[in-house]
Amino acid sequence: MTTDHHTVAWTRRLAVACLLGLIVLGLAWELWLAPIKPGGSLLALKVLPLCLPLAGVLKNRMYTYRWLSLVVWLYFTEGVVRAWSDKAPSAWFALAEVLLCLGLFAACALHVRLRQKHAKAAALAASSTTPLSA
């Protein structure tokens, strides 16, 4: 494996870790750690949309990385708003959400970019090895 292949694998692992981190953080935050209401709230359901791309990321589907890099900004926005408006400890969980979102976006964007670069290089290599007809 070349260094680029290691980097692609690393971006995939980072994306999976950040996505799982957002799911676990969202559930723990809204159900146990700092729920809006004692005993938890329905706000924990916010993690359901994050469960949808999990299968695609685990299966390494390029399309999933692309749309996830856009969806993550909704969670980033929630984190920024709540980090600014909530009191501790909820504000700290919101800041953690922001950091996980930034990590997820960076991992998805880099993953897509590197895979497209490899596909382009493979296509060029394939076209240069085909014999030219006279």
N, C-alpha and C. Protein backbone atom coordinates (compact mmCIF):
# COMPACT_ATOMS: atom_id res chain seq x y z
N MET A 1 0.83 -1.20 0.00
CA MET A 1 0.00 0.00 0.00
C MET A 1 0.87 1.25 0.00
N THR A 2 0.49 2.20 -0.82
CA THR A 2 1.25 3.44 -0.85
C THR A 2 0.77 4.36 0.26
N THR A 3 1.49 5.46 0.41
CA THR A 3 1.12 6.44 1.43
C THR A 3 -0.27 7.00 1.17
N ASP A 4 -0.61 7.24 -0.11
CA ASP A 4 -1.94 7.77 -0.44
C ASP A 4 -3.03 6.80 -0.02
N HIS A 5 -2.80 5.50 -0.22
CA HIS A 5 -3.80 4.51 0.18
C HIS A 5 -3.96 4.48 1.69
N HIS A 6 -2.87 4.67 2.40
CA HIS A 6 -2.95 4.76 3.86
C HIS A 6 -3.75 5.99 4.28
N THR A 7 -3.53 7.10 3.57
CA THR A 7 -4.26 8.33 3.89
C THR A 7 -5.75 8.16 3.63
N VAL A 8 -6.12 7.50 2.53
CA VAL A 8 -7.53 7.24 2.24
C VAL A 8 -8.13 6.38 3.35
N ALA A 9 -7.42 5.34 3.75
CA ALA A 9 -7.92 4.47 4.82
C ALA A 9 -8.05 5.25 6.13
N TRP A 10 -7.09 6.13 6.38
CA TRP A 10 -7.13 6.95 7.60
C TRP A 10 -8.33 7.89 7.59
N THR A 11 -8.62 8.51 6.44
CA THR A 11 -9.77 9.42 6.36
C THR A 11 -11.07 8.65 6.56
N ARG A 12 -11.12 7.43 6.08
CA ARG A 12 -12.32 6.60 6.29
C ARG A 12 -12.49 6.29 7.78
N ARG A 13 -11.42 5.90 8.43
CA ARG A 13 -11.50 5.61 9.88
C ARG A 13 -11.89 6.85 10.67
N LEU A 14 -11.33 8.01 10.29
CA LEU A 14 -11.68 9.25 10.98
C LEU A 14 -13.15 9.59 10.77
N ALA A 15 -13.65 9.41 9.56
CA ALA A 15 -15.06 9.69 9.29
C ALA A 15 -15.97 8.78 10.11
N VAL A 16 -15.64 7.50 10.16
CA VAL A 16 -16.45 6.55 10.95
C VAL A 16 -16.40 6.93 12.43
N ALA A 17 -15.22 7.25 12.93
CA ALA A 17 -15.07 7.61 14.35
C ALA A 17 -15.86 8.87 14.69
N CYS A 18 -15.76 9.89 13.85
CA CYS A 18 -16.49 11.14 14.12
C CYS A 18 -17.99 10.95 14.02
N LEU A 19 -18.43 10.16 13.04
CA LEU A 19 -19.86 9.90 12.89
C LEU A 19 -20.39 9.12 14.09
N LEU A 20 -19.69 8.08 14.49
CA LEU A 20 -20.11 7.33 15.69
C LEU A 20 -20.04 8.22 16.93
N GLY A 21 -19.03 9.07 17.00
CA GLY A 21 -18.91 10.00 18.13
C GLY A 21 -20.10 10.94 18.20
N LEU A 22 -20.54 11.46 17.05
CA LEU A 22 -21.72 12.35 17.03
C LEU A 22 -22.97 11.62 17.49
N ILE A 23 -23.13 10.37 17.06
CA ILE A 23 -24.31 9.60 17.46
C ILE A 23 -24.30 9.34 18.97
N VAL A 24 -23.17 8.87 19.48
CA VAL A 24 -23.07 8.56 20.91
C VAL A 24 -23.20 9.85 21.74
N LEU A 25 -22.53 10.91 21.32
CA LEU A 25 -22.61 12.18 22.04
C LEU A 25 -24.05 12.69 22.06
N GLY A 26 -24.72 12.66 20.92
CA GLY A 26 -26.10 13.15 20.85
C GLY A 26 -27.03 12.39 21.78
N LEU A 27 -26.90 11.07 21.80
CA LEU A 27 -27.75 10.27 22.69
C LEU A 27 -27.42 10.52 24.16
N ALA A 28 -26.14 10.46 24.50
CA ALA A 28 -25.74 10.65 25.90
C ALA A 28 -26.10 12.05 26.38
N TRP A 29 -25.87 13.04 25.57
CA TRP A 29 -26.14 14.43 25.92
C TRP A 29 -27.62 14.65 26.20
N GLU A 30 -28.47 14.20 25.30
CA GLU A 30 -29.90 14.50 25.41
C GLU A 30 -30.67 13.54 26.30
N LEU A 31 -30.08 12.38 26.61
CA LEU A 31 -30.79 11.42 27.47
C LEU A 31 -30.27 11.39 28.91
N TRP A 32 -28.93 11.57 29.11
CA TRP A 32 -28.38 11.39 30.45
C TRP A 32 -27.52 12.55 30.95
N LEU A 33 -26.62 13.03 30.14
CA LEU A 33 -25.61 13.97 30.63
C LEU A 33 -26.14 15.37 30.91
N ALA A 34 -26.90 15.94 29.99
CA ALA A 34 -27.42 17.30 30.17
C ALA A 34 -28.70 17.48 29.36
N PRO A 35 -29.72 16.66 29.66
CA PRO A 35 -30.96 16.78 28.87
C PRO A 35 -31.68 18.09 29.16
N ILE A 36 -32.47 18.53 28.20
CA ILE A 36 -33.25 19.75 28.38
C ILE A 36 -34.25 19.57 29.51
N LYS A 37 -34.86 18.38 29.58
CA LYS A 37 -35.78 18.05 30.67
C LYS A 37 -35.22 16.88 31.47
N PRO A 38 -35.44 16.84 32.77
CA PRO A 38 -34.98 15.69 33.54
C PRO A 38 -35.55 14.39 32.99
N GLY A 39 -34.72 13.38 32.90
CA GLY A 39 -35.17 12.10 32.38
C GLY A 39 -34.98 11.97 30.88
N GLY A 40 -34.48 13.01 30.23
CA GLY A 40 -34.23 12.94 28.79
C GLY A 40 -35.30 13.65 27.99
N SER A 41 -35.02 13.86 26.73
CA SER A 41 -35.99 14.55 25.87
C SER A 41 -36.01 13.92 24.49
N LEU A 42 -37.02 14.27 23.74
CA LEU A 42 -37.14 13.78 22.37
C LEU A 42 -36.07 14.38 21.45
N LEU A 43 -35.34 15.35 21.94
CA LEU A 43 -34.25 15.93 21.16
C LEU A 43 -33.18 14.88 20.84
N ALA A 44 -33.20 13.78 21.58
CA ALA A 44 -32.27 12.69 21.29
C ALA A 44 -32.53 12.09 19.92
N LEU A 45 -33.70 12.29 19.38
CA LEU A 45 -34.03 11.77 18.05
C LEU A 45 -33.23 12.45 16.94
N LYS A 46 -32.55 13.52 17.29
CA LYS A 46 -31.74 14.23 16.29
C LYS A 46 -30.63 13.34 15.73
N VAL A 47 -30.29 12.27 16.43
CA VAL A 47 -29.23 11.39 15.95
C VAL A 47 -29.71 10.42 14.87
N LEU A 48 -31.02 10.26 14.71
CA LEU A 48 -31.52 9.32 13.71
C LEU A 48 -31.01 9.61 12.30
N PRO A 49 -31.02 10.87 11.84
CA PRO A 49 -30.47 11.12 10.50
C PRO A 49 -28.99 10.76 10.38
N LEU A 50 -28.26 10.76 11.48
CA LEU A 50 -26.85 10.39 11.44
C LEU A 50 -26.66 8.88 11.29
N CYS A 51 -27.68 8.12 11.65
CA CYS A 51 -27.60 6.66 11.52
C CYS A 51 -27.73 6.23 10.06
N LEU A 52 -28.40 7.04 9.24
CA LEU A 52 -28.59 6.68 7.83
C LEU A 52 -27.27 6.58 7.06
N PRO A 53 -26.37 7.55 7.17
CA PRO A 53 -25.12 7.44 6.41
C PRO A 53 -24.12 6.44 6.99
N LEU A 54 -24.37 5.94 8.17
CA LEU A 54 -23.41 5.04 8.81
C LEU A 54 -23.13 3.81 7.94
N ALA A 55 -24.18 3.20 7.40
CA ALA A 55 -23.99 2.01 6.55
C ALA A 55 -23.19 2.36 5.31
N GLY A 56 -23.48 3.49 4.68
CA GLY A 56 -22.76 3.89 3.48
C GLY A 56 -21.30 4.19 3.73
N VAL A 57 -21.02 4.80 4.87
CA VAL A 57 -19.62 5.09 5.21
C VAL A 57 -18.88 3.79 5.52
N LEU A 58 -19.54 2.88 6.23
CA LEU A 58 -18.91 1.59 6.53
C LEU A 58 -18.67 0.78 5.26
N LYS A 59 -19.55 0.94 4.27
CA LYS A 59 -19.39 0.24 2.99
C LYS A 59 -18.52 1.03 2.01
N ASN A 60 -18.03 2.17 2.46
CA ASN A 60 -17.10 3.01 1.68
C ASN A 60 -17.73 3.53 0.39
N ARG A 61 -18.96 3.96 0.45
CA ARG A 61 -19.65 4.48 -0.72
C ARG A 61 -19.35 5.98 -0.89
N MET A 62 -18.82 6.31 -2.03
CA MET A 62 -18.40 7.69 -2.31
C MET A 62 -19.58 8.67 -2.18
N TYR A 63 -20.73 8.28 -2.71
CA TYR A 63 -21.89 9.17 -2.67
C TYR A 63 -22.24 9.55 -1.23
N THR A 64 -22.12 8.61 -0.31
CA THR A 64 -22.45 8.88 1.10
C THR A 64 -21.50 9.93 1.68
N TYR A 65 -20.22 9.81 1.38
CA TYR A 65 -19.26 10.80 1.86
C TYR A 65 -19.61 12.20 1.35
N ARG A 66 -20.06 12.25 0.10
CA ARG A 66 -20.39 13.55 -0.50
C ARG A 66 -21.55 14.22 0.21
N TRP A 67 -22.67 13.50 0.35
CA TRP A 67 -23.83 14.17 0.95
C TRP A 67 -23.67 14.32 2.46
N LEU A 68 -22.93 13.44 3.10
CA LEU A 68 -22.69 13.59 4.53
C LEU A 68 -21.88 14.85 4.82
N SER A 69 -20.98 15.20 3.91
CA SER A 69 -20.18 16.41 4.11
C SER A 69 -21.04 17.67 4.05
N LEU A 70 -22.23 17.57 3.49
CA LEU A 70 -23.17 18.70 3.49
C LEU A 70 -24.10 18.65 4.70
N VAL A 71 -24.60 17.47 5.03
CA VAL A 71 -25.54 17.32 6.15
C VAL A 71 -24.89 17.67 7.49
N VAL A 72 -23.61 17.41 7.62
CA VAL A 72 -22.92 17.63 8.88
C VAL A 72 -22.99 19.10 9.31
N TRP A 73 -23.17 20.02 8.36
CA TRP A 73 -23.24 21.44 8.70
C TRP A 73 -24.49 21.79 9.51
N LEU A 74 -25.55 20.99 9.41
CA LEU A 74 -26.73 21.20 10.26
C LEU A 74 -26.38 20.96 11.73
N TYR A 75 -25.62 19.91 11.97
CA TYR A 75 -25.21 19.59 13.34
C TYR A 75 -24.16 20.59 13.84
N PHE A 76 -23.30 21.03 12.94
CA PHE A 76 -22.33 22.06 13.29
C PHE A 76 -23.05 23.33 13.75
N THR A 77 -24.08 23.73 13.01
CA THR A 77 -24.85 24.92 13.36
C THR A 77 -25.52 24.77 14.71
N GLU A 78 -26.12 23.60 14.95
CA GLU A 78 -26.74 23.37 16.26
C GLU A 78 -25.70 23.48 17.36
N GLY A 79 -24.53 22.90 17.14
CA GLY A 79 -23.47 22.95 18.14
C GLY A 79 -23.01 24.36 18.43
N VAL A 80 -22.85 25.16 17.39
CA VAL A 80 -22.41 26.55 17.59
C VAL A 80 -23.46 27.34 18.36
N VAL A 81 -24.73 27.18 17.97
CA VAL A 81 -25.81 27.91 18.65
C VAL A 81 -25.90 27.51 20.12
N ARG A 82 -25.85 26.22 20.37
CA ARG A 82 -25.98 25.76 21.76
C ARG A 82 -24.72 26.03 22.58
N ALA A 83 -23.55 26.04 21.96
CA ALA A 83 -22.33 26.38 22.69
C ALA A 83 -22.38 27.84 23.13
N TRP A 84 -23.01 28.67 22.31
CA TRP A 84 -23.13 30.09 22.60
C TRP A 84 -24.24 30.37 23.61
N SER A 85 -25.36 29.64 23.52
CA SER A 85 -26.55 29.98 24.30
C SER A 85 -26.76 29.12 25.54
N ASP A 86 -26.32 27.89 25.54
CA ASP A 86 -26.53 27.00 26.70
C ASP A 86 -25.49 27.28 27.78
N LYS A 87 -25.81 26.82 28.97
CA LYS A 87 -24.86 26.90 30.08
C LYS A 87 -24.13 25.57 30.20
N ALA A 88 -23.02 25.58 30.94
CA ALA A 88 -22.29 24.34 31.19
C ALA A 88 -23.20 23.40 31.97
N PRO A 89 -23.15 22.13 31.78
CA PRO A 89 -22.24 21.36 30.93
C PRO A 89 -22.71 21.24 29.48
N SER A 90 -23.94 21.62 29.20
CA SER A 90 -24.47 21.48 27.85
C SER A 90 -23.62 22.24 26.81
N ALA A 91 -23.11 23.38 27.18
CA ALA A 91 -22.28 24.16 26.27
C ALA A 91 -21.01 23.40 25.90
N TRP A 92 -20.48 22.62 26.85
CA TRP A 92 -19.28 21.84 26.58
C TRP A 92 -19.58 20.70 25.60
N PHE A 93 -20.75 20.09 25.75
CA PHE A 93 -21.14 19.03 24.82
C PHE A 93 -21.37 19.61 23.43
N ALA A 94 -21.90 20.82 23.39
CA ALA A 94 -22.11 21.49 22.10
C ALA A 94 -20.77 21.78 21.43
N LEU A 95 -19.79 22.18 22.20
CA LEU A 95 -18.45 22.41 21.65
C LEU A 95 -17.85 21.11 21.14
N ALA A 96 -18.06 20.02 21.86
CA ALA A 96 -17.59 18.71 21.39
C ALA A 96 -18.28 18.34 20.08
N GLU A 97 -19.56 18.68 19.97
CA GLU A 97 -20.30 18.41 18.73
C GLU A 97 -19.68 19.20 17.56
N VAL A 98 -19.34 20.45 17.81
CA VAL A 98 -18.71 21.29 16.78
C VAL A 98 -17.39 20.66 16.33
N LEU A 99 -16.58 20.23 17.26
CA LEU A 99 -15.28 19.63 16.92
C LEU A 99 -15.45 18.32 16.14
N LEU A 100 -16.41 17.50 16.54
CA LEU A 100 -16.67 16.26 15.81
C LEU A 100 -17.17 16.55 14.40
N CYS A 101 -18.00 17.57 14.26
CA CYS A 101 -18.49 17.96 12.93
C CYS A 101 -17.35 18.43 12.03
N LEU A 102 -16.46 19.22 12.58
CA LEU A 102 -15.31 19.69 11.79
C LEU A 102 -14.43 18.50 11.37
N GLY A 103 -14.22 17.58 12.28
CA GLY A 103 -13.44 16.39 11.95
C GLY A 103 -14.12 15.54 10.89
N LEU A 104 -15.43 15.39 11.00
CA LEU A 104 -16.19 14.60 10.03
C LEU A 104 -16.16 15.26 8.65
N PHE A 105 -16.35 16.57 8.62
CA PHE A 105 -16.32 17.27 7.33
C PHE A 105 -14.95 17.14 6.68
N ALA A 106 -13.90 17.38 7.45
CA ALA A 106 -12.54 17.30 6.90
C ALA A 106 -12.25 15.88 6.39
N ALA A 107 -12.65 14.87 7.15
CA ALA A 107 -12.41 13.49 6.74
C ALA A 107 -13.18 13.16 5.46
N CYS A 108 -14.43 13.57 5.37
CA CYS A 108 -15.23 13.30 4.17
C CYS A 108 -14.67 14.02 2.95
N ALA A 109 -14.36 15.29 3.11
CA ALA A 109 -13.85 16.08 1.98
C ALA A 109 -12.52 15.52 1.49
N LEU A 110 -11.63 15.20 2.41
CA LEU A 110 -10.33 14.67 2.01
C LEU A 110 -10.46 13.28 1.40
N HIS A 111 -11.35 12.48 1.95
CA HIS A 111 -11.58 11.13 1.43
C HIS A 111 -12.06 11.20 -0.02
N VAL A 112 -13.05 12.03 -0.28
CA VAL A 112 -13.58 12.17 -1.65
C VAL A 112 -12.49 12.68 -2.59
N ARG A 113 -11.77 13.68 -2.15
CA ARG A 113 -10.71 14.26 -3.00
C ARG A 113 -9.65 13.23 -3.35
N LEU A 114 -9.19 12.47 -2.36
CA LEU A 114 -8.14 11.48 -2.62
C LEU A 114 -8.64 10.35 -3.51
N ARG A 115 -9.86 9.91 -3.28
CA ARG A 115 -10.40 8.83 -4.12
C ARG A 115 -10.61 9.28 -5.55
N GLN A 116 -11.03 10.53 -5.74
CA GLN A 116 -11.17 11.05 -7.11
C GLN A 116 -9.81 11.16 -7.78
N LYS A 117 -8.82 11.58 -7.03
CA LYS A 117 -7.45 11.69 -7.55
C LYS A 117 -6.95 10.32 -7.99
N HIS A 118 -7.20 9.30 -7.17
CA HIS A 118 -6.77 7.94 -7.52
C HIS A 118 -7.52 7.41 -8.73
N ALA A 119 -8.80 7.70 -8.82
CA ALA A 119 -9.59 7.23 -9.97
C ALA A 119 -9.10 7.88 -11.26
N LYS A 120 -8.79 9.16 -11.17
CA LYS A 120 -8.29 9.87 -12.35
C LYS A 120 -6.93 9.31 -12.78
N ALA A 121 -6.05 9.07 -11.81
CA ALA A 121 -4.74 8.51 -12.11
C ALA A 121 -4.87 7.11 -12.70
N ALA A 122 -5.79 6.32 -12.18
CA ALA A 122 -5.99 4.96 -12.70
C ALA A 122 -6.54 5.01 -14.12
N ALA A 123 -7.44 5.95 -14.39
CA ALA A 123 -7.99 6.08 -15.74
C ALA A 123 -6.91 6.51 -16.72
N LEU A 124 -6.05 7.43 -16.31
CA LEU A 124 -4.95 7.86 -17.18
C LEU A 124 -3.96 6.71 -17.44
N ALA A 125 -3.68 5.95 -16.40
CA ALA A 125 -2.76 4.83 -16.55
C ALA A 125 -3.36 3.77 -17.48
N ALA A 126 -4.65 3.53 -17.35
CA ALA A 126 -5.31 2.54 -18.20
C ALA A 126 -5.34 3.00 -19.65
N SER A 127 -5.57 4.28 -19.86
CA SER A 127 -5.63 4.78 -21.24
C SER A 127 -4.25 4.84 -21.89
N SER A 128 -3.23 5.00 -21.07
CA SER A 128 -1.87 5.06 -21.65
C SER A 128 -1.31 3.67 -21.94
N THR A 129 -1.88 2.64 -21.35
CA THR A 129 -1.40 1.28 -21.60
C THR A 129 -2.14 0.59 -22.73
N THR A 130 -3.24 1.18 -23.19
CA THR A 130 -3.96 0.56 -24.31
C THR A 130 -3.19 0.84 -25.59
N PRO A 131 -3.07 -0.17 -26.43
CA PRO A 131 -2.31 0.03 -27.66
C PRO A 131 -3.07 0.96 -28.61
N LEU A 132 -2.31 1.76 -29.32
CA LEU A 132 -2.90 2.67 -30.29
C LEU A 132 -3.14 1.91 -31.59
N SER A 133 -4.29 2.11 -32.17
CA SER A 133 -4.57 1.47 -33.45
C SER A 133 -4.04 2.33 -34.59
N ALA A 134 -3.55 1.67 -35.63
CA ALA A 134 -2.93 2.39 -36.75
C ALA A 134 -3.94 2.96 -37.69
